[in-house]
C-alpha atoms as a PDB file:
ATOM      1  CA  MET A   1      15.022  10.106  22.107  1.00  0.00           C
ATOM      2  CA  SER A   2      13.044   7.649  19.942  1.00  0.00           C
ATOM      3  CA  LEU A   3       9.588   8.576  18.711  1.00  0.00           C
ATOM      4  CA  ARG A   4       6.888   6.502  20.423  1.00  0.00           C
ATOM      5  CA  VAL A   5       4.473   4.679  18.117  1.00  0.00           C
ATOM      6  CA  GLY A   6       1.382   2.573  18.714  1.00  0.00           C
ATOM      7  CA  ILE A   7      -0.081   0.152  16.182  1.00  0.00           C
ATOM      8  CA  SER A   8      -3.798  -0.576  15.942  1.00  0.00           C
ATOM      9  CA  GLY A   9      -3.887  -4.202  14.838  1.00  0.00           C
ATOM     10  CA  PHE A  10      -0.982  -6.655  14.935  1.00  0.00           C
ATOM     11  CA  GLY A  11      -1.825  -9.134  12.179  1.00  0.00           C
ATOM     12  CA  LEU A  12       0.014  -9.467   8.882  1.00  0.00           C
ATOM     13  CA  ALA A  13       0.049  -5.735   8.139  1.00  0.00           C
ATOM     14  CA  GLY A  14       0.711  -4.515  11.669  1.00  0.00           C
ATOM     15  CA  ARG A  15       3.459  -6.993  12.452  1.00  0.00           C
ATOM     16  CA  TYR A  16       5.361  -7.330   9.177  1.00  0.00           C
ATOM     17  CA  PHE A  17       4.623  -4.274   7.064  1.00  0.00           C
ATOM     18  CA  HIS A  18       4.642  -1.723   9.879  1.00  0.00           C
ATOM     19  CA  GLY A  19       6.213  -2.984  13.091  1.00  0.00           C
ATOM     20  CA  ALA A  20       9.383  -4.290  11.473  1.00  0.00           C
ATOM     21  CA  LEU A  21       9.883  -1.209   9.294  1.00  0.00           C
ATOM     22  CA  LEU A  22       9.135   1.248  12.094  1.00  0.00           C
ATOM     23  CA  ALA A  23      11.720  -0.407  14.313  1.00  0.00           C
ATOM     24  CA  SER A  24      14.253  -0.462  11.482  1.00  0.00           C
ATOM     25  CA  VAL A  25      14.299   3.344  11.244  1.00  0.00           C
ATOM     26  CA  GLY A  26      14.365   3.979  14.983  1.00  0.00           C
ATOM     27  CA  PHE A  27      10.756   4.268  16.171  1.00  0.00           C
ATOM     28  CA  GLU A  28       9.969   2.762  19.579  1.00  0.00           C
ATOM     29  CA  ILE A  29       6.931   0.444  19.411  1.00  0.00           C
ATOM     30  CA  VAL A  30       5.256   0.963  22.790  1.00  0.00           C
ATOM     31  CA  GLY A  31       1.952  -0.830  22.237  1.00  0.00           C
ATOM     32  CA  ALA A  32      -0.564  -2.440  19.914  1.00  0.00           C
ATOM     33  CA  VAL A  33      -4.304  -3.002  19.933  1.00  0.00           C
ATOM     34  CA  THR A  34      -5.021  -6.727  19.823  1.00  0.00           C
ATOM     35  CA  LYS A  35      -7.054  -9.239  21.811  1.00  0.00           C
ATOM     36  CA  ASN A  36      -5.865 -12.271  19.864  1.00  0.00           C
ATOM     37  CA  PRO A  37      -3.670 -14.493  22.119  1.00  0.00           C
ATOM     38  CA  ASP A  38      -1.363 -15.508  19.258  1.00  0.00           C
ATOM     39  CA  ARG A  39      -0.829 -11.901  18.220  1.00  0.00           C
ATOM     40  CA  ILE A  40      -0.217 -10.868  21.822  1.00  0.00           C
ATOM     41  CA  ASN A  41       2.536 -13.494  21.929  1.00  0.00           C
ATOM     42  CA  ASN A  42       3.913 -12.230  18.618  1.00  0.00           C
ATOM     43  CA  LEU A  43       4.041  -8.698  20.032  1.00  0.00           C
ATOM     44  CA  ARG A  44       5.924  -9.943  23.101  1.00  0.00           C
ATOM     45  CA  ASP A  45       8.373 -11.853  20.916  1.00  0.00           C
ATOM     46  CA  ASP A  46       9.042  -8.920  18.594  1.00  0.00           C
ATOM     47  CA  PHE A  47       8.879  -6.030  21.065  1.00  0.00           C
ATOM     48  CA  PRO A  48       9.115  -7.291  24.669  1.00  0.00           C
ATOM     49  CA  ALA A  49       8.602  -3.840  26.174  1.00  0.00           C
ATOM     50  CA  ALA A  50       5.434  -3.122  24.144  1.00  0.00           C
ATOM     51  CA  LYS A  51       2.018  -3.396  25.768  1.00  0.00           C
ATOM     52  CA  ALA A  52      -0.945  -5.237  24.238  1.00  0.00           C
ATOM     53  CA  VAL A  53      -4.149  -3.301  24.877  1.00  0.00           C
ATOM     54  CA  PRO A  54      -7.785  -4.048  23.962  1.00  0.00           C
ATOM     55  CA  SER A  55      -8.842  -0.611  22.657  1.00  0.00           C
ATOM     56  CA  ILE A  56      -7.644   2.369  20.664  1.00  0.00           C
ATOM     57  CA  GLU A  57      -8.331   4.608  23.664  1.00  0.00           C
ATOM     58  CA  GLU A  58      -5.928   2.628  25.853  1.00  0.00           C
ATOM     59  CA  LEU A  59      -3.315   2.710  23.100  1.00  0.00           C
ATOM     60  CA  LEU A  60      -3.546   6.492  22.853  1.00  0.00           C
ATOM     61  CA  ASP A  61      -3.120   6.729  26.644  1.00  0.00           C
ATOM     62  CA  LEU A  62       0.436   5.386  26.219  1.00  0.00           C
ATOM     63  CA  GLY A  63       1.656   8.811  25.074  1.00  0.00           C
ATOM     64  CA  LEU A  64       2.263   8.409  21.362  1.00  0.00           C
ATOM     65  CA  ASP A  65       4.149  10.475  18.808  1.00  0.00           C
ATOM     66  CA  LEU A  66       2.582   8.450  15.965  1.00  0.00           C
ATOM     67  CA  LEU A  67      -0.403   6.126  15.536  1.00  0.00           C
ATOM     68  CA  VAL A  68      -0.321   3.484  12.797  1.00  0.00           C
ATOM     69  CA  VAL A  69      -3.738   2.101  11.851  1.00  0.00           C
ATOM     70  CA  ALA A  70      -3.285  -1.461  10.575  1.00  0.00           C
ATOM     71  CA  SER A  71      -6.639  -2.828  11.689  1.00  0.00           C
ATOM     72  CA  ALA A  72      -9.405  -4.205   9.444  1.00  0.00           C
ATOM     73  CA  ASN A  73     -10.632  -1.715   6.821  1.00  0.00           C
ATOM     74  CA  SER A  74     -13.925  -1.346   8.701  1.00  0.00           C
ATOM     75  CA  SER A  75     -12.030   0.200  11.650  1.00  0.00           C
ATOM     76  CA  HIS A  76      -9.765   2.582   9.748  1.00  0.00           C
ATOM     77  CA  ALA A  77     -11.950   5.662  10.089  1.00  0.00           C
ATOM     78  CA  THR A  78     -12.836   5.288  13.780  1.00  0.00           C
ATOM     79  CA  ASP A  79      -9.242   4.504  14.762  1.00  0.00           C
ATOM     80  CA  ALA A  80      -7.720   7.295  12.660  1.00  0.00           C
ATOM     81  CA  ILE A  81     -10.190   9.905  13.878  1.00  0.00           C
ATOM     82  CA  ALA A  82      -9.582   8.894  17.499  1.00  0.00           C
ATOM     83  CA  GLY A  83      -5.863   9.428  16.991  1.00  0.00           C
ATOM     84  CA  LEU A  84      -6.297  12.778  15.269  1.00  0.00           C
ATOM     85  CA  ARG A  85      -8.631  14.066  17.978  1.00  0.00           C
ATOM     86  CA  ALA A  86      -6.048  13.000  20.552  1.00  0.00           C
ATOM     87  CA  GLY A  87      -3.473  15.154  18.757  1.00  0.00           C
ATOM     88  CA  VAL A  88      -1.438  12.239  17.410  1.00  0.00           C
ATOM     89  CA  PRO A  89      -0.285  12.141  13.750  1.00  0.00           C
ATOM     90  CA  VAL A  90      -1.642   9.068  11.950  1.00  0.00           C
ATOM     91  CA  VAL A  91      -0.506   6.660   9.241  1.00  0.00           C
ATOM     92  CA  VAL A  92      -3.416   4.595   7.895  1.00  0.00           C
ATOM     93  CA  ASP A  93      -2.788   1.378   5.994  1.00  0.00           C
ATOM     94  CA  LYS A  94      -4.366   1.415   2.540  1.00  0.00           C
ATOM     95  CA  PRO A  95      -7.127   2.129   1.767  1.00  0.00           C
ATOM     96  CA  MET A  96      -7.538   5.089   4.101  1.00  0.00           C
ATOM     97  CA  GLY A  97     -11.328   4.714   3.961  1.00  0.00           C
ATOM     98  CA  ARG A  98     -13.702   2.208   2.410  1.00  0.00           C
ATOM     99  CA  THR A  99     -15.293   4.978   0.348  1.00  0.00           C
ATOM    100  CA  LEU A 100     -14.462   8.505  -0.759  1.00  0.00           C
ATOM    101  CA  GLU A 101     -16.927   9.795   1.832  1.00  0.00           C
ATOM    102  CA  GLU A 102     -15.158   7.937   4.635  1.00  0.00           C
ATOM    103  CA  THR A 103     -11.745   9.065   3.380  1.00  0.00           C
ATOM    104  CA  LEU A 104     -12.847  12.709   3.302  1.00  0.00           C
ATOM    105  CA  LYS A 105     -14.272  12.353   6.815  1.00  0.00           C
ATOM    106  CA  ILE A 106     -10.816  11.407   8.112  1.00  0.00           C
ATOM    107  CA  ILE A 107      -9.116  14.183   6.155  1.00  0.00           C
ATOM    108  CA  ASP A 108     -11.662  16.752   7.382  1.00  0.00           C
ATOM    109  CA  VAL A 109     -10.825  15.869  10.996  1.00  0.00           C
ATOM    110  CA  SER A 110      -7.125  16.229  10.170  1.00  0.00           C
ATOM    111  CA  ILE A 111      -7.766  19.715   8.787  1.00  0.00           C
ATOM    112  CA  GLU A 112     -10.009  20.625  11.734  1.00  0.00           C
ATOM    113  CA  THR A 113      -7.479  19.508  14.354  1.00  0.00           C
ATOM    114  CA  GLY A 114      -4.349  20.563  12.481  1.00  0.00           C
ATOM    115  CA  VAL A 115      -2.922  17.059  12.988  1.00  0.00           C
ATOM    116  CA  GLU A 116      -1.364  15.297   9.989  1.00  0.00           C
ATOM    117  CA  VAL A 117      -2.639  12.073   8.426  1.00  0.00           C
ATOM    118  CA  THR A 118      -1.277  10.031   5.537  1.00  0.00           C
ATOM    119  CA  THR A 119      -1.722   6.565   4.083  1.00  0.00           C
ATOM    120  CA  TYR A 120       0.629   3.661   3.501  1.00  0.00           C
ATOM    121  CA  PHE A 121       1.104   3.400  -0.257  1.00  0.00           C
ATOM    122  CA  ASN A 122       4.309   1.439   0.286  1.00  0.00           C
ATOM    123  CA  ARG A 123       4.429   0.161  -3.303  1.00  0.00           C
ATOM    124  CA  LEU A 124       5.683   3.590  -4.350  1.00  0.00           C
ATOM    125  CA  TRP A 125       8.987   2.346  -2.895  1.00  0.00           C
ATOM    126  CA  ASP A 126       8.972  -0.992  -4.726  1.00  0.00           C
ATOM    127  CA  SER A 127      11.996  -1.753  -6.892  1.00  0.00           C
ATOM    128  CA  ASP A 128       9.487  -1.936  -9.775  1.00  0.00           C
ATOM    129  CA  ILE A 129       8.317   1.656  -9.496  1.00  0.00           C
ATOM    130  CA  LEU A 130      11.726   3.119  -8.660  1.00  0.00           C
ATOM    131  CA  THR A 131      13.171   1.300 -11.691  1.00  0.00           C
ATOM    132  CA  ILE A 132      10.433   2.650 -13.966  1.00  0.00           C
ATOM    133  CA  ARG A 133      11.236   6.187 -12.803  1.00  0.00           C
ATOM    134  CA  LYS A 134      14.882   5.567 -13.741  1.00  0.00           C
ATOM    135  CA  ALA A 135      13.920   4.160 -17.154  1.00  0.00           C
ATOM    136  CA  LEU A 136      11.695   7.159 -17.864  1.00  0.00           C
ATOM    137  CA  ARG A 137      14.482   9.571 -16.882  1.00  0.00           C
ATOM    138  CA  GLU A 138      16.915   7.758 -19.167  1.00  0.00           C
ATOM    139  CA  GLY A 139      14.412   7.576 -22.044  1.00  0.00           C
ATOM    140  CA  VAL A 140      15.279   3.940 -22.826  1.00  0.00           C
ATOM    141  CA  ILE A 141      11.740   3.070 -23.989  1.00  0.00           C
ATOM    142  CA  GLY A 142      11.021   6.370 -25.728  1.00  0.00           C
ATOM    143  CA  GLU A 143       7.618   7.922 -25.080  1.00  0.00           C
ATOM    144  CA  PRO A 144       5.475   5.687 -22.830  1.00  0.00           C
ATOM    145  CA  PHE A 145       1.945   4.982 -24.022  1.00  0.00           C
ATOM    146  CA  ARG A 146       0.686   1.848 -22.206  1.00  0.00           C
ATOM    147  CA  PHE A 147       1.283   0.602 -18.660  1.00  0.00           C
ATOM    148  CA  ASP A 148       0.214  -2.908 -17.621  1.00  0.00           C
ATOM    149  CA  SER A 149       0.394  -3.471 -13.866  1.00  0.00           C
ATOM    150  CA  ARG A 150      -0.871  -6.609 -12.136  1.00  0.00           C
ATOM    151  CA  PHE A 151      -1.295  -8.383  -8.844  1.00  0.00           C
ATOM    152  CA  GLU A 152      -2.487 -11.739 -10.152  1.00  0.00           C
ATOM    153  CA  ARG A 153      -2.520 -15.013  -8.210  1.00  0.00           C
ATOM    154  CA  PHE A 154      -4.123 -18.418  -8.536  1.00  0.00           C
ATOM    155  CA  ARG A 155      -6.048 -19.337  -5.401  1.00  0.00           C
ATOM    156  CA  PRO A 156      -9.091 -21.274  -6.648  1.00  0.00           C
ATOM    157  CA  GLU A 157     -10.242 -22.046  -3.102  1.00  0.00           C
ATOM    158  CA  PRO A 158     -11.045 -18.930  -1.059  1.00  0.00           C
ATOM    159  CA  ASN A 159      -9.903 -18.676   2.542  1.00  0.00           C
ATOM    160  CA  PRO A 160     -12.977 -18.424   4.776  1.00  0.00           C
ATOM    161  CA  GLU A 161     -10.762 -17.314   7.683  1.00  0.00           C
ATOM    162  CA  SER A 162      -9.612 -14.181   5.828  1.00  0.00           C
ATOM    163  CA  TRP A 163     -11.749 -11.094   6.516  1.00  0.00           C
ATOM    164  CA  ARG A 164     -10.524  -9.620   3.203  1.00  0.00           C
ATOM    165  CA  GLU A 165     -12.018 -12.566   1.309  1.00  0.00           C
ATOM    166  CA  ARG A 166     -15.212 -13.144   3.280  1.00  0.00           C
ATOM    167  CA  SER A 167     -16.248  -9.530   3.989  1.00  0.00           C
ATOM    168  CA  SER A 168     -18.519  -7.533   1.723  1.00  0.00           C
ATOM    169  CA  ALA A 169     -17.374  -4.325   0.066  1.00  0.00           C
ATOM    170  CA  ILE A 170     -19.378  -2.379   2.652  1.00  0.00           C
ATOM    171  CA  ASP A 171     -17.309  -4.051   5.369  1.00  0.00           C
ATOM    172  CA  GLY A 172     -14.050  -3.384   3.517  1.00  0.00           C
ATOM    173  CA  GLY A 173     -13.418  -6.734   1.831  1.00  0.00           C
ATOM    174  CA  GLY A 174     -12.363  -7.559  -1.702  1.00  0.00           C
ATOM    175  CA  ASN A 175      -9.515  -6.947  -4.110  1.00  0.00           C
ATOM    176  CA  LEU A 176     -10.770  -3.539  -5.217  1.00  0.00           C
ATOM    177  CA  LEU A 177      -9.952  -2.172  -1.760  1.00  0.00           C
ATOM    178  CA  ASP A 178      -7.044  -4.496  -1.000  1.00  0.00           C
ATOM    179  CA  LEU A 179      -4.856  -4.416  -4.107  1.00  0.00           C
ATOM    180  CA  GLN A 180      -6.157  -1.774  -6.512  1.00  0.00           C
ATOM    181  CA  PRO A 181      -5.115   1.123  -4.197  1.00  0.00           C
ATOM    182  CA  HIS A 182      -1.508   0.067  -4.841  1.00  0.00           C
ATOM    183  CA  LEU A 183      -2.020  -0.205  -8.593  1.00  0.00           C
ATOM    184  CA  ILE A 184      -3.894   3.090  -8.864  1.00  0.00           C
ATOM    185  CA  SER A 185      -1.524   5.065  -6.618  1.00  0.00           C
ATOM    186  CA  THR A 186       1.561   3.925  -8.519  1.00  0.00           C
ATOM    187  CA  ALA A 187      -0.035   4.637 -11.915  1.00  0.00           C
ATOM    188  CA  LEU A 188      -1.028   8.150 -10.837  1.00  0.00           C
ATOM    189  CA  SER A 189       2.378   8.775  -9.291  1.00  0.00           C
ATOM    190  CA  LEU A 190       4.184   7.719 -12.494  1.00  0.00           C
ATOM    191  CA  PHE A 191       1.937   9.243 -15.149  1.00  0.00           C
ATOM    192  CA  GLY A 192      -0.130  11.925 -13.442  1.00  0.00           C
ATOM    193  CA  PRO A 193      -3.867  12.668 -13.378  1.00  0.00           C
ATOM    194  CA  ALA A 194      -6.197  10.177 -15.052  1.00  0.00           C
ATOM    195  CA  LYS A 195      -9.837   9.378 -15.727  1.00  0.00           C
ATOM    196  CA  LEU A 196     -11.352   5.941 -15.295  1.00  0.00           C
ATOM    197  CA  GLN A 197     -12.352   4.521 -18.688  1.00  0.00           C
ATOM    198  CA  TYR A 198     -13.375   0.945 -17.846  1.00  0.00           C
ATOM    199  CA  SER A 199     -14.124  -1.082 -14.734  1.00  0.00           C
ATOM    200  CA  SER A 200     -14.914  -4.731 -14.059  1.00  0.00           C
ATOM    201  CA  VAL A 201     -15.357  -5.579 -10.364  1.00  0.00           C
ATOM    202  CA  ARG A 202     -16.693  -9.088  -9.819  1.00  0.00           C
ATOM    203  CA  SER A 203     -16.582 -12.211  -7.668  1.00  0.00           C
ATOM    204  CA  ILE A 204     -15.589 -15.455  -9.394  1.00  0.00           C
ATOM    205  CA  ARG A 205     -15.334 -17.672  -6.294  1.00  0.00           C
ATOM    206  CA  GLY A 206     -18.519 -16.485  -4.589  1.00  0.00           C
ATOM    207  CA  TYR A 207     -16.966 -14.494  -1.758  1.00  0.00           C
ATOM    208  CA  SER A 208     -15.855 -10.839  -1.969  1.00  0.00           C
ATOM    209  CA  ASP A 209     -14.756  -9.316  -5.278  1.00  0.00           C
ATOM    210  CA  ASP A 210     -11.699 -11.270  -6.414  1.00  0.00           C
ATOM    211  CA  ASP A 211     -11.257 -10.294 -10.084  1.00  0.00           C
ATOM    212  CA  VAL A 212     -10.897  -6.575 -10.765  1.00  0.00           C
ATOM    213  CA  VAL A 213      -9.719  -4.877 -13.967  1.00  0.00           C
ATOM    214  CA  LEU A 214      -9.533  -1.087 -14.347  1.00  0.00           C
ATOM    215  CA  VAL A 215      -8.380   1.051 -17.277  1.00  0.00           C
ATOM    216  CA  LEU A 216      -7.177   4.612 -16.655  1.00  0.00           C
ATOM    217  CA  ARG A 217      -6.464   7.225 -19.309  1.00  0.00           C
ATOM    218  CA  HIS A 218      -3.858   9.699 -18.086  1.00  0.00           C
ATOM    219  CA  ASP A 219      -3.888  13.308 -19.240  1.00  0.00           C
ATOM    220  CA  MET A 220      -0.318  12.863 -20.550  1.00  0.00           C
ATOM    221  CA  GLY A 221      -1.493  10.181 -22.992  1.00  0.00           C
ATOM    222  CA  VAL A 222      -0.604   6.938 -21.202  1.00  0.00           C
ATOM    223  CA  ASP A 223      -3.278   4.268 -20.689  1.00  0.00           C
ATOM    224  CA  SER A 224      -2.917   2.137 -17.532  1.00  0.00           C
ATOM    225  CA  TYR A 225      -4.375  -1.391 -17.486  1.00  0.00           C
ATOM    226  CA  LEU A 226      -4.616  -2.501 -13.855  1.00  0.00           C
ATOM    227  CA  SER A 227      -5.483  -6.088 -12.884  1.00  0.00           C
ATOM    228  CA  ALA A 228      -5.965  -7.448  -9.349  1.00  0.00           C
ATOM    229  CA  SER A 229      -7.156 -11.047  -9.328  1.00  0.00           C
ATOM    230  CA  ALA A 230      -6.994 -14.152  -7.128  1.00  0.00           C
ATOM    231  CA  ILE A 231      -8.173 -16.567  -9.826  1.00  0.00           C
ATOM    232  CA  ILE A 232      -5.729 -16.282 -12.750  1.00  0.00           C
ATOM    233  CA  GLY A 233      -4.157 -19.641 -13.603  1.00  0.00           C
ATOM    234  CA  ALA A 234      -1.473 -18.060 -15.806  1.00  0.00           C
ATOM    235  CA  PRO A 235      -0.543 -14.719 -14.193  1.00  0.00           C
ATOM    236  CA  GLY A 236       0.909 -12.121 -16.521  1.00  0.00           C
ATOM    237  CA  PRO A 237       4.111 -10.198 -15.812  1.00  0.00           C
ATOM    238  CA  ARG A 238       3.978  -7.965 -12.759  1.00  0.00           C
ATOM    239  CA  ILE A 239       4.641  -4.935 -14.970  1.00  0.00           C
ATOM    240  CA  ARG A 240       4.970  -4.218 -18.685  1.00  0.00           C
ATOM    241  CA  LEU A 241       5.574  -0.626 -19.685  1.00  0.00           C
ATOM    242  CA  ASN A 242       5.377  -0.013 -23.435  1.00  0.00           C
ATOM    243  CA  GLY A 243       7.014   2.935 -25.161  1.00  0.00           C
ATOM    244  CA  THR A 244       7.767   4.048 -28.690  1.00  0.00           C
ATOM    245  CA  LYS A 245      11.315   2.572 -28.513  1.00  0.00           C
ATOM    246  CA  GLY A 246      10.758  -0.581 -26.474  1.00  0.00           C
ATOM    247  CA  SER A 247       9.121  -2.259 -23.493  1.00  0.00           C
ATOM    248  CA  LEU A 248      10.232  -2.637 -19.895  1.00  0.00           C
ATOM    249  CA  VAL A 249       9.148  -5.985 -18.381  1.00  0.00           C
ATOM    250  CA  ILE A 250       9.234  -7.037 -14.725  1.00  0.00           C
ATOM    251  CA  ASN A 251       7.967 -10.577 -14.234  1.00  0.00           C
ATOM    252  CA  SER A 252       7.687 -10.985 -10.475  1.00  0.00           C
ATOM    253  CA  LEU A 253       6.908  -9.100  -7.280  1.00  0.00           C
ATOM    254  CA  ASP A 254       9.429  -6.898  -5.546  1.00  0.00           C
ATOM    255  CA  PRO A 255      11.153  -9.231  -3.036  1.00  0.00           C
ATOM    256  CA  GLN A 256      10.526  -7.049   0.027  1.00  0.00           C
ATOM    257  CA  GLU A 257       7.148  -8.593   0.874  1.00  0.00           C
ATOM    258  CA  SER A 258       8.630 -12.096   0.929  1.00  0.00           C
ATOM    259  CA  LEU A 259      11.528 -10.901   3.077  1.00  0.00           C
ATOM    260  CA  LEU A 260       9.196  -9.217   5.572  1.00  0.00           C
ATOM    261  CA  ARG A 261       6.925 -12.269   5.777  1.00  0.00           C
ATOM    262  CA  ALA A 262      10.028 -14.368   6.489  1.00  0.00           C
ATOM    263  CA  GLY A 263      10.760 -12.197   9.506  1.00  0.00           C
ATOM    264  CA  LYS A 264      13.566 -10.170   7.943  1.00  0.00           C
ATOM    265  CA  SER A 265      13.742  -6.383   7.982  1.00  0.00           C
ATOM    266  CA  PRO A 266      16.063  -3.558   6.966  1.00  0.00           C
ATOM    267  CA  LEU A 267      18.937  -2.767   9.324  1.00  0.00           C
ATOM    268  CA  VAL A 268      19.009   0.922  10.248  1.00  0.00           C
ATOM    269  CA  GLY A 269      16.695   1.562   7.315  1.00  0.00           C
ATOM    270  CA  ASN A 270      18.697  -0.371   4.696  1.00  0.00           C
ATOM    271  CA  TRP A 271      18.270  -3.930   3.440  1.00  0.00           C
ATOM    272  CA  LYS A 272      21.325  -6.173   3.476  1.00  0.00           C
ATOM    273  CA  GLU A 273      19.381  -8.601   1.253  1.00  0.00           C
ATOM    274  CA  GLU A 274      18.923  -8.063  -2.486  1.00  0.00           C
ATOM    275  CA  THR A 275      15.751  -6.057  -3.149  1.00  0.00           C
ATOM    276  CA  ARG A 276      15.981  -5.456  -6.893  1.00  0.00           C
ATOM    277  CA  SER A 277      13.278  -6.807  -9.191  1.00  0.00           C
ATOM    278  CA  GLU A 278      14.573  -8.750 -12.208  1.00  0.00           C
ATOM    279  CA  THR A 279      13.979  -6.337 -15.079  1.00  0.00           C
ATOM    280  CA  PHE A 280      14.277  -6.695 -18.848  1.00  0.00           C
ATOM    281  CA  LEU A 281      14.243  -4.273 -21.764  1.00  0.00           C
ATOM    282  CA  TYR A 282      12.719  -5.639 -24.986  1.00  0.00           C
ATOM    283  CA  ARG A 283      12.798  -4.302 -28.523  1.00  0.00           C
ATOM    284  CA  GLY A 284      10.920  -6.889 -30.563  1.00  0.00           C
ATOM    285  CA  ASP A 285      12.830 -10.167 -30.471  1.00  0.00           C
ATOM    286  CA  GLU A 286      15.807  -8.524 -28.803  1.00  0.00           C
ATOM    287  CA  GLY A 287      15.865  -8.584 -24.998  1.00  0.00           C
ATOM    288  CA  GLU A 288      18.440  -7.580 -22.429  1.00  0.00           C
ATOM    289  CA  ARG A 289      18.658  -7.158 -18.678  1.00  0.00           C
ATOM    290  CA  TYR A 290      18.061  -3.668 -17.397  1.00  0.00           C
ATOM    291  CA  GLU A 291      19.703  -2.509 -14.167  1.00  0.00           C
ATOM    292  CA  ALA A 292      17.005  -2.203 -11.517  1.00  0.00           C
ATOM    293  CA  VAL A 293      16.894   0.108  -8.492  1.00  0.00           C
ATOM    294  CA  ARG A 294      16.853  -1.372  -4.988  1.00  0.00           C
ATOM    295  CA  GLY A 295      13.414  -1.238  -3.363  1.00  0.00           C
ATOM    296  CA  ASN A 296      13.120   0.067   0.186  1.00  0.00           C
ATOM    297  CA  TYR A 297       9.839   0.471   2.097  1.00  0.00           C
ATOM    298  CA  ALA A 298      11.779   1.876   5.045  1.00  0.00           C
ATOM    299  CA  LEU A 299      12.044   5.141   3.099  1.00  0.00           C
ATOM    300  CA  PHE A 300       8.326   5.687   3.780  1.00  0.00           C
ATOM    301  CA  TYR A 301       8.908   5.734   7.540  1.00  0.00           C
ATOM    302  CA  GLU A 302      12.121   7.727   7.196  1.00  0.00           C
ATOM    303  CA  ALA A 303       9.966  10.394   5.544  1.00  0.00           C
ATOM    304  CA  VAL A 304       7.324  10.120   8.294  1.00  0.00           C
ATOM    305  CA  LYS A 305      10.022  10.589  10.956  1.00  0.00           C
ATOM    306  CA  ALA A 306      11.356  13.665   9.169  1.00  0.00           C
ATOM    307  CA  ALA A 307       7.841  15.098   8.762  1.00  0.00           C
ATOM    308  CA  ILE A 308       7.072  14.707  12.474  1.00  0.00           C
ATOM    309  CA  ALA A 309      10.293  16.598  13.207  1.00  0.00           C
ATOM    310  CA  GLY A 310       9.243  19.344  10.778  1.00  0.00           C
ATOM    311  CA  GLU A 311      12.130  18.524   8.457  1.00  0.00           C
ATOM    312  CA  GLY A 312      10.270  17.306   5.387  1.00  0.00           C
ATOM    313  CA  ALA A 313       6.961  16.594   3.690  1.00  0.00           C
ATOM    314  CA  TRP A 314       4.712  13.640   4.521  1.00  0.00           C
ATOM    315  CA  PRO A 315       5.423  10.774   2.102  1.00  0.00           C
ATOM    316  CA  VAL A 316       1.941  10.627   0.544  1.00  0.00           C
ATOM    317  CA  GLU A 317       0.053  13.883   0.057  1.00  0.00           C
ATOM    318  CA  VAL A 318      -3.634  14.292   0.821  1.00  0.00           C
ATOM    319  CA  ASN A 319      -4.569  15.079  -2.789  1.00  0.00           C
ATOM    320  CA  GLU A 320      -3.040  11.744  -3.903  1.00  0.00           C
ATOM    321  CA  ILE A 321      -5.111   9.888  -1.299  1.00  0.00           C
ATOM    322  CA  ILE A 322      -8.302  11.624  -2.442  1.00  0.00           C
ATOM    323  CA  GLU A 323      -7.681  10.857  -6.133  1.00  0.00           C
ATOM    324  CA  VAL A 324      -7.225   7.145  -5.386  1.00  0.00           C
ATOM    325  CA  ALA A 325     -10.411   7.113  -3.285  1.00  0.00           C
ATOM    326  CA  LYS A 326     -12.364   8.830  -6.084  1.00  0.00           C
ATOM    327  CA  ILE A 327     -11.301   6.226  -8.644  1.00  0.00           C
ATOM    328  CA  LEU A 328     -12.170   3.355  -6.278  1.00  0.00           C
ATOM    329  CA  ASP A 329     -15.696   4.766  -5.832  1.00  0.00           C
ATOM    330  CA  GLN A 330     -16.077   5.352  -9.584  1.00  0.00           C
ATOM    331  CA  ALA A 331     -14.886   1.809 -10.300  1.00  0.00           C
ATOM    332  CA  ARG A 332     -17.568   0.315  -8.071  1.00  0.00           C
ATOM    333  CA  GLU A 333     -20.257   2.535  -9.602  1.00  0.00           C
ATOM    334  CA  MET A 334     -19.181   1.989 -13.219  1.00  0.00           C
ATOM    335  CA  SER A 335     -19.001  -1.770 -12.788  1.00  0.00           C
ATOM    336  CA  ALA A 336     -22.422  -1.830 -11.132  1.00  0.00           C
ATOM    337  CA  ARG A 337     -23.919  -0.105 -14.181  1.00  0.00           C
END
């Protein structure tokens, strides 16, 4: 029997990054919280048997095995806590909470109720990150010492219809909360514990923060330079990992996001489309292609399914979530000073 899942929010994240992937690994989408007529129609198109409901309480009444919180950041805590108190395991889209305090509030309820919660750091299953793990295992760049990771775009005119762009940090808007959780979580996952050395969190276009640069110093000796910006006219490579014997360079985003936005999804948990990032290994003037690993976000929900069945660990551990939340808070504070 399929596990029953409800999704709080059926916008970009709920529809493409969660609904499609959940269905691809065998979850049954039984309902979603949305009052938007267009999104209700989208839900009917994608999952005809699913029910659109106006509140988290009505969603939980549908008898869920899993709740996915893909609502606006300002609703993450209330939705997640409602699910946990109802005895339903919860996946929260990143960031889990707007602050460390809010994140710990959710985790405390999980501990109190004995019901599991995790967050959707899907970029850990990007081709980029999986390929870096392979390169590190093979030692092709020697000892790593500097990691440049970017989500840079050029959108000089902000979108006033986007809550992420128009909302204040208190309400969950801005690139620090939208994109840096991915950059921080992948850096910590690759290179271990780190301390924040530098932070610039600012608004160039006059809306929410849209140009954010953080520098982490990892205990193992790697420095991570993390850039999330909407106003860079000449974006740098998606990733450049420098080592003592060479540099690994990935110029563009993992293709999975584009595929999902185009309405495609993995079949039975596996993509038929190409999901490798174009990757190069440089040693000075000499460059060559490096064989990348296929990205697959469906592996996140395969792990969730196994964890619910008691057959494996949850894909993102609580301590990882807390460390990301701590750095986000420190970044805001350090930049303010």
